[in-house]
Amino acid sequence: MTDHLHLNCERLLGSLSEYIDGELPPELCQELEKHLASCESCRVVLNTTRRTIDLVHAPVENPDLPEDVRERLFKRLNLDDYLNNKT
């Protein structure tokens, strides 16, 4: 990790969702990618966010968790909407 302050981290990471969804204007995309090239912390946030999105959207055909445990987990993570849309 570099020693310099990342003054743009908060502002750029506020656009992370749009970046992942491909909805960011090209100029801001370039700015974000330039920042990501030099900021390990922001790359970790980006990769973690992408992985979380993948996990949430992944179909669960045979959940290993008992239904009551799954429900408690989703409620604890404030994912009640996903409980109503079981696959």
N, C-alpha and C. Protein backbone atom coordinates (compact mmCIF):
# COMPACT_ATOMS: atom_id res chain seq x y z
N MET A 1 0.86 -1.17 0.00
CA MET A 1 0.00 0.00 0.00
C MET A 1 0.90 1.23 0.00
N THR A 2 0.47 2.27 -0.67
CA THR A 2 1.28 3.48 -0.74
C THR A 2 1.04 4.35 0.47
N ASP A 3 2.00 5.27 0.70
CA ASP A 3 1.90 6.13 1.88
C ASP A 3 1.08 7.39 1.64
N HIS A 4 0.79 7.71 0.38
CA HIS A 4 0.08 8.96 0.13
C HIS A 4 -1.40 8.86 0.52
N LEU A 5 -1.97 10.01 0.79
CA LEU A 5 -3.38 10.04 1.17
C LEU A 5 -4.25 9.86 -0.07
N HIS A 6 -5.31 9.13 0.07
CA HIS A 6 -6.23 8.89 -1.04
C HIS A 6 -7.46 9.77 -0.85
N LEU A 7 -7.31 11.02 -1.22
CA LEU A 7 -8.40 11.97 -1.02
C LEU A 7 -9.59 11.67 -1.92
N ASN A 8 -9.36 10.98 -3.02
CA ASN A 8 -10.45 10.69 -3.96
C ASN A 8 -11.16 9.37 -3.67
N CYS A 9 -10.66 8.59 -2.73
CA CYS A 9 -11.23 7.26 -2.47
C CYS A 9 -12.74 7.32 -2.23
N GLU A 10 -13.14 8.12 -1.28
CA GLU A 10 -14.56 8.16 -0.93
C GLU A 10 -15.42 8.61 -2.10
N ARG A 11 -14.96 9.63 -2.80
CA ARG A 11 -15.73 10.15 -3.94
C ARG A 11 -15.81 9.11 -5.06
N LEU A 12 -14.68 8.50 -5.38
CA LEU A 12 -14.66 7.52 -6.46
C LEU A 12 -15.42 6.26 -6.09
N LEU A 13 -15.27 5.81 -4.86
CA LEU A 13 -15.97 4.59 -4.46
C LEU A 13 -17.48 4.80 -4.36
N GLY A 14 -17.89 6.06 -4.27
CA GLY A 14 -19.33 6.37 -4.33
C GLY A 14 -19.92 6.04 -5.68
N SER A 15 -19.06 5.92 -6.69
CA SER A 15 -19.49 5.60 -8.05
C SER A 15 -19.26 4.13 -8.39
N LEU A 16 -18.86 3.35 -7.42
CA LEU A 16 -18.47 1.97 -7.66
C LEU A 16 -19.59 1.13 -8.25
N SER A 17 -20.78 1.27 -7.75
CA SER A 17 -21.91 0.48 -8.25
C SER A 17 -22.16 0.76 -9.72
N GLU A 18 -22.14 2.04 -10.09
CA GLU A 18 -22.34 2.41 -11.49
C GLU A 18 -21.20 1.89 -12.35
N TYR A 19 -19.99 1.89 -11.81
CA TYR A 19 -18.82 1.37 -12.54
C TYR A 19 -19.00 -0.12 -12.81
N ILE A 20 -19.37 -0.87 -11.79
CA ILE A 20 -19.55 -2.31 -11.93
C ILE A 20 -20.67 -2.61 -12.92
N ASP A 21 -21.72 -1.82 -12.90
CA ASP A 21 -22.86 -2.03 -13.80
C ASP A 21 -22.61 -1.51 -15.20
N GLY A 22 -21.47 -0.85 -15.43
CA GLY A 22 -21.16 -0.31 -16.76
C GLY A 22 -21.95 0.93 -17.09
N GLU A 23 -22.39 1.67 -16.08
CA GLU A 23 -23.24 2.83 -16.28
C GLU A 23 -22.51 4.15 -16.05
N LEU A 24 -21.20 4.10 -15.91
CA LEU A 24 -20.40 5.30 -15.63
C LEU A 24 -19.94 5.94 -16.93
N PRO A 25 -19.95 7.27 -17.01
CA PRO A 25 -19.43 7.93 -18.20
C PRO A 25 -17.96 7.56 -18.41
N PRO A 26 -17.51 7.47 -19.65
CA PRO A 26 -16.13 7.05 -19.94
C PRO A 26 -15.06 7.86 -19.20
N GLU A 27 -15.26 9.17 -19.05
CA GLU A 27 -14.27 10.01 -18.39
C GLU A 27 -14.10 9.60 -16.92
N LEU A 28 -15.22 9.38 -16.24
CA LEU A 28 -15.16 8.98 -14.84
C LEU A 28 -14.63 7.56 -14.71
N CYS A 29 -14.96 6.72 -15.67
CA CYS A 29 -14.44 5.35 -15.70
C CYS A 29 -12.91 5.37 -15.75
N GLN A 30 -12.37 6.20 -16.61
CA GLN A 30 -10.92 6.31 -16.73
C GLN A 30 -10.29 6.83 -15.44
N GLU A 31 -10.94 7.81 -14.83
CA GLU A 31 -10.44 8.36 -13.57
C GLU A 31 -10.44 7.29 -12.48
N LEU A 32 -11.52 6.54 -12.41
CA LEU A 32 -11.63 5.48 -11.42
C LEU A 32 -10.59 4.39 -11.66
N GLU A 33 -10.41 3.99 -12.91
CA GLU A 33 -9.43 2.95 -13.23
C GLU A 33 -8.01 3.41 -12.95
N LYS A 34 -7.72 4.67 -13.20
CA LYS A 34 -6.40 5.22 -12.88
C LYS A 34 -6.17 5.15 -11.37
N HIS A 35 -7.19 5.52 -10.60
CA HIS A 35 -7.09 5.47 -9.15
C HIS A 35 -6.91 4.03 -8.68
N LEU A 36 -7.68 3.11 -9.24
CA LEU A 36 -7.60 1.71 -8.83
C LEU A 36 -6.21 1.12 -9.11
N ALA A 37 -5.56 1.59 -10.15
CA ALA A 37 -4.23 1.09 -10.49
C ALA A 37 -3.21 1.41 -9.40
N SER A 38 -3.45 2.47 -8.65
CA SER A 38 -2.49 2.88 -7.63
C SER A 38 -2.99 2.71 -6.20
N CYS A 39 -4.20 2.22 -6.03
CA CYS A 39 -4.78 2.13 -4.68
C CYS A 39 -5.24 0.71 -4.39
N GLU A 40 -4.41 0.00 -3.65
CA GLU A 40 -4.73 -1.38 -3.31
C GLU A 40 -6.01 -1.50 -2.49
N SER A 41 -6.22 -0.57 -1.57
CA SER A 41 -7.41 -0.61 -0.72
C SER A 41 -8.69 -0.53 -1.56
N CYS A 42 -8.70 0.35 -2.53
CA CYS A 42 -9.89 0.50 -3.38
C CYS A 42 -10.08 -0.72 -4.28
N ARG A 43 -8.97 -1.32 -4.72
CA ARG A 43 -9.08 -2.56 -5.51
C ARG A 43 -9.71 -3.67 -4.68
N VAL A 44 -9.34 -3.74 -3.40
CA VAL A 44 -9.93 -4.74 -2.51
C VAL A 44 -11.44 -4.49 -2.39
N VAL A 45 -11.83 -3.24 -2.22
CA VAL A 45 -13.26 -2.91 -2.11
C VAL A 45 -13.98 -3.30 -3.40
N LEU A 46 -13.39 -2.97 -4.55
CA LEU A 46 -13.99 -3.31 -5.84
C LEU A 46 -14.16 -4.82 -5.97
N ASN A 47 -13.10 -5.57 -5.72
CA ASN A 47 -13.15 -7.02 -5.86
C ASN A 47 -14.13 -7.66 -4.88
N THR A 48 -14.16 -7.15 -3.66
CA THR A 48 -15.09 -7.67 -2.66
C THR A 48 -16.54 -7.38 -3.06
N THR A 49 -16.78 -6.18 -3.56
CA THR A 49 -18.12 -5.82 -4.00
C THR A 49 -18.57 -6.69 -5.17
N ARG A 50 -17.68 -6.88 -6.14
CA ARG A 50 -18.02 -7.75 -7.28
C ARG A 50 -18.33 -9.17 -6.81
N ARG A 51 -17.52 -9.69 -5.92
CA ARG A 51 -17.72 -11.05 -5.43
C ARG A 51 -19.04 -11.16 -4.65
N THR A 52 -19.35 -10.15 -3.85
CA THR A 52 -20.60 -10.14 -3.10
C THR A 52 -21.80 -10.15 -4.05
N ILE A 53 -21.73 -9.33 -5.09
CA ILE A 53 -22.81 -9.29 -6.08
C ILE A 53 -22.97 -10.66 -6.73
N ASP A 54 -21.85 -11.27 -7.10
CA ASP A 54 -21.90 -12.61 -7.71
C ASP A 54 -22.55 -13.62 -6.78
N LEU A 55 -22.19 -13.57 -5.50
CA LEU A 55 -22.75 -14.52 -4.54
C LEU A 55 -24.24 -14.31 -4.32
N VAL A 56 -24.66 -13.06 -4.27
CA VAL A 56 -26.08 -12.76 -4.05
C VAL A 56 -26.92 -13.23 -5.24
N HIS A 57 -26.36 -13.08 -6.45
CA HIS A 57 -27.11 -13.45 -7.65
C HIS A 57 -26.97 -14.92 -8.04
N ALA A 58 -26.06 -15.62 -7.40
CA ALA A 58 -25.85 -17.03 -7.76
C ALA A 58 -27.07 -17.85 -7.37
N PRO A 59 -27.53 -18.69 -8.27
CA PRO A 59 -28.67 -19.55 -7.93
C PRO A 59 -28.26 -20.58 -6.88
N VAL A 60 -29.17 -20.83 -5.97
CA VAL A 60 -28.93 -21.81 -4.91
C VAL A 60 -29.94 -22.93 -5.12
N GLU A 61 -29.46 -24.01 -5.74
CA GLU A 61 -30.37 -25.12 -6.03
C GLU A 61 -30.58 -26.02 -4.82
N ASN A 62 -29.49 -26.32 -4.13
CA ASN A 62 -29.56 -27.18 -2.95
C ASN A 62 -28.84 -26.48 -1.80
N PRO A 63 -29.51 -25.58 -1.13
CA PRO A 63 -28.82 -24.87 -0.05
C PRO A 63 -28.35 -25.83 1.04
N ASP A 64 -27.13 -25.59 1.50
CA ASP A 64 -26.58 -26.43 2.56
C ASP A 64 -27.10 -26.01 3.93
N LEU A 65 -27.66 -24.81 4.01
CA LEU A 65 -28.16 -24.31 5.27
C LEU A 65 -29.60 -24.73 5.48
N PRO A 66 -29.93 -25.12 6.69
CA PRO A 66 -31.35 -25.36 7.00
C PRO A 66 -32.13 -24.05 6.78
N GLU A 67 -33.36 -24.17 6.41
CA GLU A 67 -34.18 -23.00 6.06
C GLU A 67 -34.23 -21.97 7.19
N ASP A 68 -34.35 -22.40 8.43
CA ASP A 68 -34.44 -21.44 9.53
C ASP A 68 -33.13 -20.68 9.71
N VAL A 69 -31.99 -21.34 9.48
CA VAL A 69 -30.70 -20.67 9.58
C VAL A 69 -30.56 -19.66 8.44
N ARG A 70 -30.96 -20.07 7.24
CA ARG A 70 -30.93 -19.18 6.07
C ARG A 70 -31.76 -17.93 6.33
N GLU A 71 -32.95 -18.10 6.86
CA GLU A 71 -33.83 -16.96 7.13
C GLU A 71 -33.21 -16.01 8.16
N ARG A 72 -32.66 -16.57 9.24
CA ARG A 72 -32.02 -15.73 10.25
C ARG A 72 -30.83 -14.97 9.66
N LEU A 73 -30.04 -15.65 8.84
CA LEU A 73 -28.88 -15.01 8.21
C LEU A 73 -29.32 -13.86 7.31
N PHE A 74 -30.29 -14.09 6.46
CA PHE A 74 -30.76 -13.05 5.55
C PHE A 74 -31.35 -11.87 6.31
N LYS A 75 -32.08 -12.15 7.38
CA LYS A 75 -32.62 -11.06 8.19
C LYS A 75 -31.52 -10.27 8.86
N ARG A 76 -30.51 -10.97 9.36
CA ARG A 76 -29.38 -10.31 10.02
C ARG A 76 -28.62 -9.42 9.04
N LEU A 77 -28.53 -9.84 7.78
CA LEU A 77 -27.84 -9.07 6.75
C LEU A 77 -28.76 -8.06 6.06
N ASN A 78 -29.97 -7.91 6.58
CA ASN A 78 -30.96 -7.00 6.00
C ASN A 78 -31.27 -7.34 4.55
N LEU A 79 -31.42 -8.63 4.27
CA LEU A 79 -31.73 -9.09 2.92
C LEU A 79 -33.12 -9.72 2.88
N ASP A 80 -34.03 -9.15 3.64
CA ASP A 80 -35.39 -9.70 3.71
C ASP A 80 -36.04 -9.82 2.34
N ASP A 81 -35.75 -8.90 1.43
CA ASP A 81 -36.36 -8.96 0.09
C ASP A 81 -35.99 -10.25 -0.63
N TYR A 82 -34.79 -10.75 -0.40
CA TYR A 82 -34.36 -11.98 -1.07
C TYR A 82 -35.05 -13.21 -0.51
N LEU A 83 -35.49 -13.12 0.74
CA LEU A 83 -36.24 -14.24 1.31
C LEU A 83 -37.55 -14.45 0.59
N ASN A 84 -38.14 -13.38 0.12
CA ASN A 84 -39.42 -13.46 -0.58
C ASN A 84 -39.27 -13.90 -2.02
N ASN A 85 -38.04 -13.89 -2.56
CA ASN A 85 -37.78 -14.26 -3.95
C ASN A 85 -36.89 -15.50 -4.01
N LYS A 86 -37.25 -16.53 -3.30
CA LYS A 86 -36.46 -17.76 -3.25
C LYS A 86 -36.42 -18.38 -4.63
N THR A 87 -35.24 -18.97 -4.94
CA THR A 87 -35.11 -19.67 -6.23
C THR A 87 -35.41 -21.14 -6.07
